[in-house]
Amino acid sequence: MMTASRKFIVNEQLTQAEAAARLKVTQPRISDLTRGKISRFSLDALVILLSDTGLEVNMQIKRRRVA
């Protein structure tokens, strides 16, 4: 999810300040995101960020195959 968020920022050619405004977070928060500081983000926070980019998050839970 962090990778998708970073790709969005790069593809849109946003500065950290522009990305922060668009994603409704602070610029230091975008800095943490772009530096991959995963421990500073909850799953909820990443889902909200992705939602604000216009991307849809789908999660699937299923049994793993037993060989």
PDB file of N, CA and C in Angstrom:
ATOM      1  N   MET A   1       0.816  -1.183   0.000  1.00  0.00           N
ATOM      2  CA  MET A   1       0.000   0.000   0.000  1.00  0.00           C
ATOM      3  C   MET A   1       0.867   1.257   0.000  1.00  0.00           C
ATOM      4  N   MET A   2       1.994   1.162   0.710  1.00  0.00           N
ATOM      5  CA  MET A   2       2.894   2.319   0.688  1.00  0.00           C
ATOM      6  C   MET A   2       3.457   2.524  -0.715  1.00  0.00           C
ATOM      7  N   THR A   3       3.790   1.440  -1.367  1.00  0.00           N
ATOM      8  CA  THR A   3       4.335   1.533  -2.720  1.00  0.00           C
ATOM      9  C   THR A   3       3.317   2.160  -3.666  1.00  0.00           C
ATOM     10  N   ALA A   4       2.074   1.764  -3.567  1.00  0.00           N
ATOM     11  CA  ALA A   4       1.030   2.326  -4.429  1.00  0.00           C
ATOM     12  C   ALA A   4       0.866   3.822  -4.160  1.00  0.00           C
ATOM     13  N   SER A   5       0.936   4.209  -2.902  1.00  0.00           N
ATOM     14  CA  SER A   5       0.823   5.632  -2.553  1.00  0.00           C
ATOM     15  C   SER A   5       1.995   6.427  -3.106  1.00  0.00           C
ATOM     16  N   ARG A   6       3.204   5.858  -2.967  1.00  0.00           N
ATOM     17  CA  ARG A   6       4.390   6.546  -3.501  1.00  0.00           C
ATOM     18  C   ARG A   6       4.315   6.655  -5.020  1.00  0.00           C
ATOM     19  N   LYS A   7       3.871   5.584  -5.679  1.00  0.00           N
ATOM     20  CA  LYS A   7       3.746   5.612  -7.142  1.00  0.00           C
ATOM     21  C   LYS A   7       2.754   6.678  -7.575  1.00  0.00           C
ATOM     22  N   PHE A   8       1.672   6.826  -6.833  1.00  0.00           N
ATOM     23  CA  PHE A   8       0.693   7.860  -7.146  1.00  0.00           C
ATOM     24  C   PHE A   8       1.344   9.237  -7.113  1.00  0.00           C
ATOM     25  N   ILE A   9       2.107   9.509  -6.062  1.00  0.00           N
ATOM     26  CA  ILE A   9       2.763  10.814  -5.917  1.00  0.00           C
ATOM     27  C   ILE A   9       3.735  11.057  -7.059  1.00  0.00           C
ATOM     28  N   VAL A  10       4.517  10.039  -7.406  1.00  0.00           N
ATOM     29  CA  VAL A  10       5.482  10.166  -8.502  1.00  0.00           C
ATOM     30  C   VAL A  10       4.766  10.347  -9.838  1.00  0.00           C
ATOM     31  N   ASN A  11       3.767   9.514 -10.110  1.00  0.00           N
ATOM     32  CA  ASN A  11       3.051   9.591 -11.388  1.00  0.00           C
ATOM     33  C   ASN A  11       2.331  10.914 -11.573  1.00  0.00           C
ATOM     34  N   GLU A  12       1.833  11.470 -10.488  1.00  0.00           N
ATOM     35  CA  GLU A  12       1.149  12.768 -10.559  1.00  0.00           C
ATOM     36  C   GLU A  12       2.131  13.932 -10.522  1.00  0.00           C
ATOM     37  N   GLN A  13       3.410  13.626 -10.340  1.00  0.00           N
ATOM     38  CA  GLN A  13       4.488  14.617 -10.265  1.00  0.00           C
ATOM     39  C   GLN A  13       4.207  15.674  -9.200  1.00  0.00           C
ATOM     40  N   LEU A  14       3.796  15.194  -8.021  1.00  0.00           N
ATOM     41  CA  LEU A  14       3.468  16.087  -6.922  1.00  0.00           C
ATOM     42  C   LEU A  14       4.687  16.322  -6.040  1.00  0.00           C
ATOM     43  N   THR A  15       4.825  17.546  -5.573  1.00  0.00           N
ATOM     44  CA  THR A  15       5.822  17.807  -4.527  1.00  0.00           C
ATOM     45  C   THR A  15       5.255  17.242  -3.227  1.00  0.00           C
ATOM     46  N   GLN A  16       6.098  17.149  -2.219  1.00  0.00           N
ATOM     47  CA  GLN A  16       5.588  16.657  -0.937  1.00  0.00           C
ATOM     48  C   GLN A  16       4.498  17.572  -0.394  1.00  0.00           C
ATOM     49  N   ALA A  17       4.662  18.862  -0.577  1.00  0.00           N
ATOM     50  CA  ALA A  17       3.649  19.816  -0.097  1.00  0.00           C
ATOM     51  C   ALA A  17       2.332  19.634  -0.852  1.00  0.00           C
ATOM     52  N   GLU A  18       2.413  19.465  -2.163  1.00  0.00           N
ATOM     53  CA  GLU A  18       1.204  19.254  -2.966  1.00  0.00           C
ATOM     54  C   GLU A  18       0.526  17.937  -2.600  1.00  0.00           C
ATOM     55  N   ALA A  19       1.333  16.895  -2.418  1.00  0.00           N
ATOM     56  CA  ALA A  19       0.782  15.599  -2.046  1.00  0.00           C
ATOM     57  C   ALA A  19       0.106  15.679  -0.683  1.00  0.00           C
ATOM     58  N   ALA A  20       0.719  16.375   0.248  1.00  0.00           N
ATOM     59  CA  ALA A  20       0.144  16.528   1.585  1.00  0.00           C
ATOM     60  C   ALA A  20      -1.216  17.220   1.518  1.00  0.00           C
ATOM     61  N   ALA A  21      -1.301  18.276   0.735  1.00  0.00           N
ATOM     62  CA  ALA A  21      -2.570  18.991   0.609  1.00  0.00           C
ATOM     63  C   ALA A  21      -3.632  18.104  -0.038  1.00  0.00           C
ATOM     64  N   ARG A  22      -3.244  17.397  -1.070  1.00  0.00           N
ATOM     65  CA  ARG A  22      -4.197  16.550  -1.797  1.00  0.00           C
ATOM     66  C   ARG A  22      -4.662  15.361  -0.969  1.00  0.00           C
ATOM     67  N   LEU A  23      -3.766  14.822  -0.142  1.00  0.00           N
ATOM     68  CA  LEU A  23      -4.088  13.638   0.651  1.00  0.00           C
ATOM     69  C   LEU A  23      -4.495  13.985   2.086  1.00  0.00           C
ATOM     70  N   LYS A  24      -4.605  15.274   2.355  1.00  0.00           N
ATOM     71  CA  LYS A  24      -5.107  15.758   3.648  1.00  0.00           C
ATOM     72  C   LYS A  24      -4.263  15.305   4.835  1.00  0.00           C
ATOM     73  N   VAL A  25      -2.949  15.344   4.653  1.00  0.00           N
ATOM     74  CA  VAL A  25      -2.009  15.033   5.727  1.00  0.00           C
ATOM     75  C   VAL A  25      -0.935  16.108   5.734  1.00  0.00           C
ATOM     76  N   THR A  26      -0.009  16.019   6.661  1.00  0.00           N
ATOM     77  CA  THR A  26       1.078  16.994   6.728  1.00  0.00           C
ATOM     78  C   THR A  26       2.214  16.598   5.788  1.00  0.00           C
ATOM     79  N   GLN A  27       3.067  17.549   5.470  1.00  0.00           N
ATOM     80  CA  GLN A  27       4.218  17.268   4.618  1.00  0.00           C
ATOM     81  C   GLN A  27       5.164  16.283   5.296  1.00  0.00           C
ATOM     82  N   PRO A  28       5.411  16.393   6.618  1.00  0.00           N
ATOM     83  CA  PRO A  28       6.265  15.372   7.250  1.00  0.00           C
ATOM     84  C   PRO A  28       5.678  13.963   7.127  1.00  0.00           C
ATOM     85  N   ARG A  29       4.364  13.857   7.097  1.00  0.00           N
ATOM     86  CA  ARG A  29       3.720  12.546   6.930  1.00  0.00           C
ATOM     87  C   ARG A  29       4.032  11.985   5.547  1.00  0.00           C
ATOM     88  N   ILE A  30       4.015  12.843   4.527  1.00  0.00           N
ATOM     89  CA  ILE A  30       4.367  12.422   3.167  1.00  0.00           C
ATOM     90  C   ILE A  30       5.838  12.038   3.113  1.00  0.00           C
ATOM     91  N   SER A  31       6.672  12.763   3.836  1.00  0.00           N
ATOM     92  CA  SER A  31       8.096  12.421   3.896  1.00  0.00           C
ATOM     93  C   SER A  31       8.279  11.020   4.470  1.00  0.00           C
ATOM     94  N   ASP A  32       7.563  10.709   5.557  1.00  0.00           N
ATOM     95  CA  ASP A  32       7.626   9.362   6.133  1.00  0.00           C
ATOM     96  C   ASP A  32       7.194   8.317   5.113  1.00  0.00           C
ATOM     97  N   LEU A  33       6.159   8.632   4.369  1.00  0.00           N
ATOM     98  CA  LEU A  33       5.638   7.712   3.350  1.00  0.00           C
ATOM     99  C   LEU A  33       6.676   7.464   2.263  1.00  0.00           C
ATOM    100  N   THR A  34       7.253   8.526   1.736  1.00  0.00           N
ATOM    101  CA  THR A  34       8.201   8.382   0.630  1.00  0.00           C
ATOM    102  C   THR A  34       9.511   7.729   1.081  1.00  0.00           C
ATOM    103  N   ARG A  35       9.830   7.831   2.345  1.00  0.00           N
ATOM    104  CA  ARG A  35      11.042   7.193   2.880  1.00  0.00           C
ATOM    105  C   ARG A  35      10.793   5.761   3.335  1.00  0.00           C
ATOM    106  N   GLY A  36       9.532   5.314   3.210  1.00  0.00           N
ATOM    107  CA  GLY A  36       9.213   3.927   3.525  1.00  0.00           C
ATOM    108  C   GLY A  36       9.195   3.606   5.009  1.00  0.00           C
ATOM    109  N   LYS A  37       8.909   4.581   5.832  1.00  0.00           N
ATOM    110  CA  LYS A  37       8.878   4.356   7.285  1.00  0.00           C
ATOM    111  C   LYS A  37       7.553   3.686   7.662  1.00  0.00           C
ATOM    112  N   ILE A  38       7.480   2.427   7.353  1.00  0.00           N
ATOM    113  CA  ILE A  38       6.235   1.659   7.482  1.00  0.00           C
ATOM    114  C   ILE A  38       5.731   1.597   8.919  1.00  0.00           C
ATOM    115  N   SER A  39       6.617   1.618   9.884  1.00  0.00           N
ATOM    116  CA  SER A  39       6.196   1.504  11.283  1.00  0.00           C
ATOM    117  C   SER A  39       5.383   2.714  11.744  1.00  0.00           C
ATOM    118  N   ARG A  40       5.407   3.769  10.984  1.00  0.00           N
ATOM    119  CA  ARG A  40       4.670   4.979  11.361  1.00  0.00           C
ATOM    120  C   ARG A  40       3.255   5.025  10.777  1.00  0.00           C
ATOM    121  N   PHE A  41       2.862   3.953  10.080  1.00  0.00           N
ATOM    122  CA  PHE A  41       1.552   3.927   9.437  1.00  0.00           C
ATOM    123  C   PHE A  41       0.764   2.697   9.863  1.00  0.00           C
ATOM    124  N   SER A  42      -0.466   2.928  10.236  1.00  0.00           N
ATOM    125  CA  SER A  42      -1.363   1.806  10.516  1.00  0.00           C
ATOM    126  C   SER A  42      -2.000   1.378   9.198  1.00  0.00           C
ATOM    127  N   LEU A  43      -2.580   0.226   9.209  1.00  0.00           N
ATOM    128  CA  LEU A  43      -3.309  -0.259   8.038  1.00  0.00           C
ATOM    129  C   LEU A  43      -4.424   0.716   7.676  1.00  0.00           C
ATOM    130  N   ASP A  44      -5.133   1.196   8.685  1.00  0.00           N
ATOM    131  CA  ASP A  44      -6.218   2.154   8.452  1.00  0.00           C
ATOM    132  C   ASP A  44      -5.710   3.419   7.769  1.00  0.00           C
ATOM    133  N   ALA A  45      -4.592   3.934   8.242  1.00  0.00           N
ATOM    134  CA  ALA A  45      -4.035   5.160   7.668  1.00  0.00           C
ATOM    135  C   ALA A  45      -3.676   4.964   6.201  1.00  0.00           C
ATOM    136  N   LEU A  46      -3.105   3.812   5.869  1.00  0.00           N
ATOM    137  CA  LEU A  46      -2.732   3.544   4.479  1.00  0.00           C
ATOM    138  C   LEU A  46      -3.969   3.394   3.594  1.00  0.00           C
ATOM    139  N   VAL A  47      -5.004   2.760   4.110  1.00  0.00           N
ATOM    140  CA  VAL A  47      -6.242   2.610   3.335  1.00  0.00           C
ATOM    141  C   VAL A  47      -6.855   3.985   3.067  1.00  0.00           C
ATOM    142  N   ILE A  48      -6.857   4.845   4.063  1.00  0.00           N
ATOM    143  CA  ILE A  48      -7.408   6.194   3.890  1.00  0.00           C
ATOM    144  C   ILE A  48      -6.588   6.974   2.867  1.00  0.00           C
ATOM    145  N   LEU A  49      -5.259   6.890   2.956  1.00  0.00           N
ATOM    146  CA  LEU A  49      -4.403   7.575   1.976  1.00  0.00           C
ATOM    147  C   LEU A  49      -4.715   7.104   0.561  1.00  0.00           C
ATOM    148  N   LEU A  50      -4.799   5.805   0.383  1.00  0.00           N
ATOM    149  CA  LEU A  50      -5.080   5.274  -0.947  1.00  0.00           C
ATOM    150  C   LEU A  50      -6.459   5.694  -1.429  1.00  0.00           C
ATOM    151  N   SER A  51      -7.402   5.727  -0.548  1.00  0.00           N
ATOM    152  CA  SER A  51      -8.742   6.172  -0.911  1.00  0.00           C
ATOM    153  C   SER A  51      -8.713   7.616  -1.403  1.00  0.00           C
ATOM    154  N   ASP A  52      -7.922   8.446  -0.721  1.00  0.00           N
ATOM    155  CA  ASP A  52      -7.816   9.849  -1.123  1.00  0.00           C
ATOM    156  C   ASP A  52      -7.088  10.031  -2.452  1.00  0.00           C
ATOM    157  N   THR A  53      -6.333   9.028  -2.883  1.00  0.00           N
ATOM    158  CA  THR A  53      -5.688   9.109  -4.204  1.00  0.00           C
ATOM    159  C   THR A  53      -6.664   8.744  -5.319  1.00  0.00           C
ATOM    160  N   GLY A  54      -7.798   8.159  -4.930  1.00  0.00           N
ATOM    161  CA  GLY A  54      -8.759   7.713  -5.929  1.00  0.00           C
ATOM    162  C   GLY A  54      -8.592   6.250  -6.276  1.00  0.00           C
ATOM    163  N   LEU A  55      -7.662   5.589  -5.596  1.00  0.00           N
ATOM    164  CA  LEU A  55      -7.462   4.161  -5.811  1.00  0.00           C
ATOM    165  C   LEU A  55      -8.377   3.371  -4.888  1.00  0.00           C
ATOM    166  N   GLU A  56      -8.707   2.181  -5.285  1.00  0.00           N
ATOM    167  CA  GLU A  56      -9.568   1.315  -4.494  1.00  0.00           C
ATOM    168  C   GLU A  56      -8.728   0.208  -3.870  1.00  0.00           C
ATOM    169  N   VAL A  57      -8.996  -0.060  -2.613  1.00  0.00           N
ATOM    170  CA  VAL A  57      -8.275  -1.107  -1.895  1.00  0.00           C
ATOM    171  C   VAL A  57      -9.191  -2.309  -1.746  1.00  0.00           C
ATOM    172  N   ASN A  58      -8.719  -3.455  -2.193  1.00  0.00           N
ATOM    173  CA  ASN A  58      -9.446  -4.713  -2.026  1.00  0.00           C
ATOM    174  C   ASN A  58      -8.552  -5.673  -1.265  1.00  0.00           C
ATOM    175  N   MET A  59      -9.119  -6.288  -0.247  1.00  0.00           N
ATOM    176  CA  MET A  59      -8.374  -7.297   0.507  1.00  0.00           C
ATOM    177  C   MET A  59      -9.151  -8.595   0.434  1.00  0.00           C
ATOM    178  N   GLN A  60      -8.422  -9.667   0.373  1.00  0.00           N
ATOM    179  CA  GLN A  60      -9.055 -10.975   0.296  1.00  0.00           C
ATOM    180  C   GLN A  60      -8.382 -11.908   1.296  1.00  0.00           C
ATOM    181  N   ILE A  61      -9.210 -12.599   2.039  1.00  0.00           N
ATOM    182  CA  ILE A  61      -8.695 -13.579   2.990  1.00  0.00           C
ATOM    183  C   ILE A  61      -9.256 -14.922   2.583  1.00  0.00           C
ATOM    184  N   LYS A  62      -8.362 -15.894   2.421  1.00  0.00           N
ATOM    185  CA  LYS A  62      -8.818 -17.228   2.039  1.00  0.00           C
ATOM    186  C   LYS A  62      -7.875 -18.252   2.624  1.00  0.00           C
ATOM    187  N   ARG A  63      -8.334 -19.460   2.647  1.00  0.00           N
ATOM    188  CA  ARG A  63      -7.490 -20.551   3.148  1.00  0.00           C
ATOM    189  C   ARG A  63      -6.324 -20.764   2.191  1.00  0.00           C
ATOM    190  N   ARG A  64      -5.199 -21.078   2.768  1.00  0.00           N
ATOM    191  CA  ARG A  64      -4.068 -21.409   1.912  1.00  0.00           C
ATOM    192  C   ARG A  64      -4.193 -22.868   1.487  1.00  0.00           C
ATOM    193  N   ARG A  65      -3.611 -23.145   0.384  1.00  0.00           N
ATOM    194  CA  ARG A  65      -3.633 -24.519  -0.125  1.00  0.00           C
ATOM    195  C   ARG A  65      -2.681 -25.378   0.674  1.00  0.00           C
ATOM    196  N   VAL A  66      -3.109 -26.566   0.972  1.00  0.00           N
ATOM    197  CA  VAL A  66      -2.260 -27.513   1.691  1.00  0.00           C
ATOM    198  C   VAL A  66      -1.771 -28.540   0.673  1.00  0.00           C
ATOM    199  N   ALA A  67      -0.474 -28.657   0.574  1.00  0.00           N
ATOM    200  CA  ALA A  67       0.103 -29.562  -0.424  1.00  0.00           C
ATOM    201  C   ALA A  67       0.142 -30.982   0.057  1.00  0.00           C
TER     202      ALA A  67
END
